[in-house]
Protein backbone atom coordinates (compact mmCIF):
# COMPACT_ATOMS: atom_id res chain seq x y z
CA MET A 1 63.83 -22.27 67.35
CA ALA A 2 67.15 -22.43 65.57
CA ASN A 3 69.12 -19.32 64.91
CA VAL A 4 68.58 -17.93 61.37
CA THR A 5 71.42 -16.18 59.71
CA GLY A 6 69.93 -15.61 56.19
CA PRO A 7 66.98 -13.52 54.94
CA VAL A 8 63.65 -14.29 56.56
CA ILE A 9 60.29 -14.47 54.67
CA ILE A 10 57.34 -13.67 56.86
CA ARG A 11 54.06 -15.04 55.46
CA PRO A 12 50.98 -13.14 56.59
CA ALA A 13 48.16 -15.02 58.15
CA GLY A 14 45.02 -15.74 56.15
CA GLY A 15 45.49 -19.15 54.68
CA PRO A 16 47.55 -22.23 54.68
CA TYR A 17 49.89 -20.61 52.13
CA GLY A 18 49.95 -17.13 53.59
CA TRP A 19 48.25 -15.31 50.62
CA ARG A 20 46.15 -16.35 47.66
CA PRO A 21 47.76 -16.50 44.21
CA GLY A 22 46.88 -13.55 41.95
CA GLU A 23 46.48 -11.00 44.72
CA HIS A 24 49.66 -9.25 43.76
CA SER A 25 48.95 -5.67 42.56
CA HIS A 26 50.30 -6.51 39.08
CA ASN A 27 47.98 -9.48 38.73
CA VAL A 28 45.03 -7.41 39.97
CA ARG A 29 45.54 -4.86 37.19
CA ARG A 30 45.74 -7.65 34.63
CA ARG A 31 42.53 -9.21 35.94
CA VAL A 32 40.63 -5.88 35.90
CA GLY A 33 41.85 -5.15 32.35
CA ALA A 34 40.73 -8.60 31.22
CA ASP A 35 37.26 -7.99 32.70
CA GLN A 36 36.98 -4.66 30.89
CA ARG A 37 38.03 -6.27 27.61
CA GLN A 38 35.41 -8.97 28.04
CA LYS A 39 32.75 -6.32 28.62
CA ARG A 40 33.81 -4.43 25.49
CA GLN A 41 33.82 -7.65 23.49
CA GLY A 42 30.33 -8.43 24.74
CA THR A 43 29.13 -4.96 23.71
CA PHE A 44 30.67 -5.34 20.25
CA ARG A 45 29.13 -8.80 19.95
CA HIS A 46 25.65 -7.41 20.62
CA LEU A 47 26.27 -4.53 18.22
CA ARG A 48 27.31 -6.95 15.46
CA ARG A 49 24.15 -8.95 16.02
CA ILE A 50 21.99 -5.83 15.82
CA LEU A 51 23.71 -4.67 12.61
CA PHE A 52 23.39 -8.16 11.13
CA LEU A 53 19.66 -8.23 11.86
CA ALA A 54 19.28 -4.72 10.44
CA GLY A 55 21.05 -5.83 7.25
CA ILE A 56 18.79 -8.89 6.95
CA CYS A 57 15.71 -6.68 7.36
CA ALA A 58 16.99 -4.20 4.74
CA LEU A 59 17.69 -7.02 2.27
CA GLY A 60 14.28 -8.48 2.98
CA TYR A 61 12.55 -5.16 2.36
CA TYR A 62 14.47 -4.63 -0.88
CA GLY A 63 13.66 -8.17 -2.00
CA TYR A 64 9.98 -7.66 -1.21
CA THR A 65 9.70 -4.37 -3.10
CA PHE A 66 11.67 -5.70 -6.09
CA GLY A 67 9.69 -8.94 -6.14
CA ASP A 68 6.40 -7.09 -5.79
CA GLU A 69 7.23 -4.88 -8.78
CA TYR A 70 8.58 -7.79 -10.84
CA VAL A 71 5.60 -10.06 -10.24
CA TYR A 72 3.16 -7.21 -10.84
CA GLN A 73 4.79 -6.24 -14.14
CA ALA A 74 4.99 -9.86 -15.31
CA TYR A 75 1.34 -10.55 -14.47
CA GLU A 76 -0.02 -7.31 -15.94
CA ASN A 77 1.99 -7.79 -19.14
CA TRP A 78 0.63 -11.31 -19.51
CA ALA A 79 -2.95 -10.25 -18.72
CA PHE A 80 -2.65 -7.32 -21.13
CA ASP A 81 -1.54 -9.64 -23.94
CA GLN A 82 -4.49 -11.93 -23.16
CA GLN A 83 -6.94 -9.03 -23.30
CA ILE A 84 -5.48 -7.76 -26.56
CA SER A 85 -6.08 -11.22 -28.06
CA GLY A 86 -9.71 -11.12 -26.89
CA ASN A 87 -9.62 -13.10 -23.63
CA LYS A 88 -11.18 -10.87 -20.96
CA THR A 89 -11.61 -13.40 -18.13
CA VAL A 90 -8.06 -14.08 -16.97
CA THR A 91 -7.07 -14.25 -13.30
CA PHE A 92 -3.82 -14.40 -11.36
CA ALA A 93 -4.29 -18.15 -10.98
CA ASP A 94 -4.40 -18.42 -14.79
CA PHE A 95 -1.11 -16.53 -14.92
CA ILE A 96 0.48 -18.94 -12.43
CA ARG A 97 -0.75 -21.92 -14.46
CA ALA A 98 0.50 -20.48 -17.76
CA ALA A 99 3.78 -18.82 -16.77
CA MET A 100 5.20 -20.80 -13.86
CA PRO A 101 7.06 -24.11 -14.33
CA PHE A 102 4.81 -26.02 -11.92
CA GLY A 103 1.66 -24.04 -12.61
CA SER A 104 -0.10 -27.06 -14.09
CA LEU A 105 -0.30 -28.55 -10.58
CA LEU A 106 -3.02 -26.00 -9.78
CA GLY A 107 -5.47 -27.70 -12.12
CA GLY A 108 -7.64 -26.26 -14.88
CA GLY A 109 -8.15 -22.55 -15.37
CA THR A 110 -10.77 -20.19 -16.68
CA ALA A 111 -8.75 -18.70 -19.53
CA LEU A 112 -10.37 -19.09 -22.92
CA PRO A 113 -8.40 -20.76 -25.70
CA PRO A 114 -7.23 -18.45 -28.50
CA ASP A 115 -9.59 -19.90 -31.11
CA VAL A 116 -12.63 -19.27 -28.90
CA ALA A 117 -11.55 -15.72 -28.15
CA ALA A 118 -10.86 -15.05 -31.84
CA SER A 119 -14.27 -16.38 -32.87
CA ARG A 120 -16.13 -13.74 -30.88
CA PRO A 121 -17.88 -11.17 -33.03
CA PRO A 122 -16.31 -7.71 -32.78
CA SER A 123 -18.15 -5.30 -30.52
CA PRO A 124 -18.52 -1.60 -31.22
CA ALA A 125 -15.42 0.45 -30.50
CA PRO A 126 -15.49 1.78 -26.93
CA GLN A 127 -15.20 5.46 -26.23
CA ALA A 128 -12.33 6.84 -24.18
CA PRO A 129 -13.71 8.10 -20.84
CA ARG A 130 -11.38 9.34 -18.15
CA PRO A 131 -9.83 6.24 -16.58
CA VAL A 132 -10.38 5.23 -12.98
CA TYR A 133 -7.50 6.13 -10.68
CA GLY A 134 -5.13 3.17 -10.43
CA SER A 135 -6.54 1.34 -13.45
CA ILE A 136 -4.39 -0.13 -16.22
CA LEU A 137 -4.01 2.09 -19.28
CA GLY A 138 -1.65 0.01 -21.40
CA ARG A 139 2.02 -0.71 -21.98
CA VAL A 140 4.90 1.58 -22.94
CA GLU A 141 7.89 0.17 -24.82
CA ILE A 142 11.22 1.45 -26.15
CA SER A 143 12.69 -1.46 -28.07
CA ARG A 144 16.21 -0.03 -28.45
CA LEU A 145 16.52 0.38 -24.67
CA HIS A 146 14.73 -2.92 -23.88
CA LEU A 147 12.24 -0.94 -21.80
CA SER A 148 8.78 -2.38 -21.35
CA ALA A 149 6.45 -1.46 -18.50
CA MET A 150 2.76 -1.30 -17.70
CA VAL A 151 1.14 2.11 -17.24
CA ARG A 152 -1.49 2.87 -14.62
CA GLU A 153 -3.59 5.94 -13.97
CA GLY A 154 -2.16 8.16 -11.23
CA VAL A 155 1.23 9.15 -9.86
CA ASP A 156 0.97 8.45 -6.12
CA ALA A 157 3.53 6.38 -4.22
CA ARG A 158 1.60 3.12 -4.55
CA VAL A 159 1.20 3.42 -8.33
CA LEU A 160 4.83 4.39 -8.90
CA SER A 161 6.07 1.53 -6.73
CA LEU A 162 4.53 -0.93 -9.19
CA ALA A 163 4.20 0.70 -12.59
CA VAL A 164 4.63 3.78 -14.73
CA GLY A 165 2.04 6.40 -13.76
CA HIS A 166 -0.05 8.64 -16.02
CA VAL A 167 -0.44 12.23 -14.85
CA PRO A 168 -4.26 12.49 -14.55
CA SER A 169 -4.47 16.11 -15.66
CA THR A 170 -2.92 15.37 -19.06
CA ALA A 171 -4.29 13.88 -22.27
CA LEU A 172 -4.73 10.20 -23.01
CA PRO A 173 -2.62 8.45 -25.67
CA GLY A 174 -3.54 9.42 -29.22
CA GLN A 175 -5.60 12.39 -28.09
CA GLN A 176 -4.77 15.98 -28.91
CA GLY A 177 -2.57 17.39 -26.19
CA ASN A 178 0.21 16.02 -24.02
CA PHE A 179 0.18 12.43 -22.71
CA ALA A 180 2.49 12.65 -19.68
CA ILE A 181 3.79 9.61 -17.78
CA ALA A 182 6.29 9.27 -14.91
CA ALA A 183 8.30 6.55 -13.18
CA HIS A 184 11.23 6.15 -10.80
CA ARG A 185 14.77 6.63 -12.13
CA ASP A 186 16.11 3.57 -10.27
CA THR A 187 13.49 1.10 -11.50
CA LEU A 188 11.29 1.26 -14.59
CA PHE A 189 12.72 4.44 -16.16
CA ARG A 190 16.40 3.72 -15.46
CA ALA A 191 16.89 3.06 -19.20
CA LEU A 192 16.01 6.67 -20.04
CA LYS A 193 19.57 7.64 -19.18
CA ASP A 194 20.51 6.25 -22.63
CA ILE A 195 17.61 7.80 -24.59
CA ARG A 196 18.49 9.53 -27.85
CA THR A 197 16.71 11.90 -30.19
CA GLY A 198 14.96 9.85 -32.86
CA ASP A 199 14.19 6.85 -30.64
CA LEU A 200 10.73 5.38 -31.11
CA VAL A 201 8.40 4.95 -28.14
CA THR A 202 5.35 2.70 -28.52
CA PHE A 203 2.28 2.81 -26.31
CA GLN A 204 -0.21 -0.04 -26.72
CA ASN A 205 -3.68 -0.43 -25.29
CA SER A 206 -6.91 -2.19 -26.23
CA LEU A 207 -7.65 0.46 -28.87
CA GLY A 208 -4.38 0.06 -30.76
CA ALA A 209 -0.72 1.06 -30.79
CA TYR A 210 0.64 4.61 -30.84
CA THR A 211 4.21 5.28 -31.96
CA TYR A 212 6.02 8.46 -30.85
CA ARG A 213 9.39 9.76 -31.99
CA VAL A 214 11.68 11.42 -29.41
CA LEU A 215 12.42 15.02 -30.39
CA ALA A 216 13.81 16.66 -27.26
CA THR A 217 15.18 16.07 -23.75
CA LYS A 218 15.70 18.55 -20.93
CA ILE A 219 16.65 18.74 -17.26
CA VAL A 220 14.34 20.94 -15.19
CA ARG A 221 13.59 21.75 -11.58
CA PRO A 222 10.72 19.90 -9.84
CA SER A 223 8.75 23.15 -9.66
CA ASP A 224 8.80 23.54 -13.47
CA VAL A 225 5.46 22.06 -14.54
CA SER A 226 5.37 23.78 -17.91
CA VAL A 227 6.33 20.45 -19.50
CA LEU A 228 2.80 19.23 -18.67
CA ARG A 229 1.16 21.82 -20.91
CA SER A 230 -0.52 20.67 -24.10
CA ASP A 231 2.43 22.02 -26.14
CA GLY A 232 5.02 20.35 -23.91
CA GLY A 233 6.29 23.62 -22.49
CA GLY A 234 7.97 24.66 -25.70
CA LEU A 235 10.65 21.95 -25.77
CA ILE A 236 9.55 20.94 -29.27
CA PRO A 237 9.47 23.72 -31.90
CA VAL A 238 6.01 24.79 -32.98
CA ALA A 239 6.82 23.88 -36.58
CA GLU A 240 7.29 20.25 -35.49
CA ILE A 241 3.92 19.84 -33.80
CA ALA A 242 1.69 21.88 -36.17
CA ASN A 243 -1.67 23.07 -34.89
CA GLU A 244 -2.85 19.85 -33.23
CA PRO A 245 -0.06 18.56 -30.99
CA LYS A 246 -0.20 14.92 -29.93
CA LEU A 247 2.75 14.58 -27.61
CA LEU A 248 4.23 12.13 -25.14
CA THR A 249 6.19 13.40 -22.14
CA MET A 250 8.18 11.00 -19.96
CA ILE A 251 9.33 12.25 -16.55
CA THR A 252 11.80 10.80 -14.07
CA CYS A 253 14.18 12.06 -11.38
CA TYR A 254 17.69 13.27 -12.12
CA PRO A 255 20.63 12.59 -11.68
CA PHE A 256 20.03 8.89 -12.27
CA TYR A 257 22.68 7.73 -9.77
CA TYR A 258 22.02 10.37 -7.12
CA VAL A 259 21.87 9.02 -3.55
CA GLY A 260 18.74 10.25 -1.83
CA SER A 261 15.96 12.45 -3.15
CA ALA A 262 17.11 13.69 -6.56
CA PRO A 263 17.00 17.49 -6.92
CA LYS A 264 15.97 17.69 -10.59
CA ARG A 265 13.77 16.08 -13.23
CA PHE A 266 14.72 14.51 -16.56
CA ILE A 267 12.19 15.19 -19.33
CA VAL A 268 11.80 13.31 -22.61
CA GLU A 269 9.34 14.66 -25.17
CA ALA A 270 8.14 12.86 -28.28
CA LYS A 271 5.61 13.44 -31.06
CA LEU A 272 3.01 10.98 -32.35
CA VAL A 273 4.10 9.70 -35.77
CA SER A 274 1.77 6.75 -36.36
CA ASN A 275 -1.40 5.26 -34.97
CA ASN A 276 -2.25 1.62 -35.67
CA PRO A 277 -5.75 0.91 -34.38
CA SER A 278 -6.82 -2.51 -33.21
CA GLY A 279 -9.28 -4.66 -35.11
CA GLN A 280 -12.29 -3.18 -33.34
CA GLU A 281 -11.09 0.36 -33.89
CA LYS A 282 -10.41 -0.36 -37.59
CA LEU A 283 -13.94 -1.72 -38.01
CA ALA A 284 -15.46 1.33 -36.32
CA ALA A 285 -13.32 3.67 -38.46
CA THR A 286 -14.44 1.86 -41.62
CA LYS A 287 -18.08 2.26 -40.63
CA ARG A 288 -17.57 5.96 -39.94
CA ASP A 289 -15.92 6.42 -43.33
CA ARG A 290 -18.79 4.66 -45.05
CA ARG A 291 -21.37 6.84 -43.32
CA SER A 292 -19.50 10.02 -44.14
CA ALA A 293 -18.78 9.07 -47.77
CA PRO A 294 -21.04 10.76 -50.39
CA ALA A 295 -23.69 8.64 -52.06
CA PRO A 296 -22.68 7.38 -55.53
CA ARG A 297 -24.08 9.34 -58.43
CA ARG A 298 -26.41 7.57 -60.75
CA PHE A 299 -26.47 8.23 -64.44
CA SER A 300 -29.54 7.55 -66.51
C-alpha cells in the first residue's frame, strides 16, 4: 500500500458504498418530519371529508323540510280552492295533473269540471263542530304582506312543520271569543315582522270569508297565556270589542332573527270587521230570516 500524505476517509463496512444515502442525522430528522406532516395531512383530509358529508346531510335535511312544507302548502291551497268551488273529490294525483308542467302524462283524473260542480244543488249549511285534530280549517291571508298559508287544527310539531296551527282551546273563526293561531317565525309567519296596525287579515273556509283588522301587537314571555283568553288578554280596549268579542290572535316566536330557541313571543291581535258567508251559508241565512220574519198582515 502506497504511503498517504493527505487526509484519509475511512468508509465503514455495511455496503458497497460504505453507508446508505439519507442515513445522516440531518436527513433522518427531515424524513421523520415529512412522515409526521403526511399523517397530519391525512387526518385533515379525513376531517374535511367528514365535514363535507355533514354539510351535504344538513343541506339535504333543510331541502327536505322546505320542500315538504312548500309542496304541502301548494297542494292544500289548490285542494281548498277546488272545494270552495264545489269539487269535493280531488286527490294529490289531480293536483299533479293540474299544477305540474308534465302532469298530463299521468292520464285522466277524477276532478269534476267546474260546470258540473256548479250545477249541484246547494246542501243545507253545515254546523261547526269541533274540528278533528290535524284537519284543515281554512286559509289565512294578509295581502299587504303577501302572506298566505293553510291552517290546521292543533299546534304540535308535525302540524307547525307544515302549516299554521289553531290552538284547540280557543274559538273557531267567526265565533264569539278568540280565534288563536300560531306558526314558526322563520317560515310561514316570518312576514309578521312587518305587520302594522290597521292591516286586514282574511280567513277563508268552506263557510265563507272573515276579515279582521289588526288593532294591537305585543311582545310577551312564553308563560304569558293571557292572550288566549276570549278578550285577548286586554291588548284591545274593551270599547273596541264591545260585549261580544270576535277576535283573531296570531302568535309566533320573537326575535324573528334569533339563533336558537327564541325567548319571547310576538302577538298580533285583530277584531272581526266583516263576515262574507259562502253561497250555502247565505241560503241558510235567508231561510232563517224568512222563518223568523213576522207574517204579513191582511186587511179586509
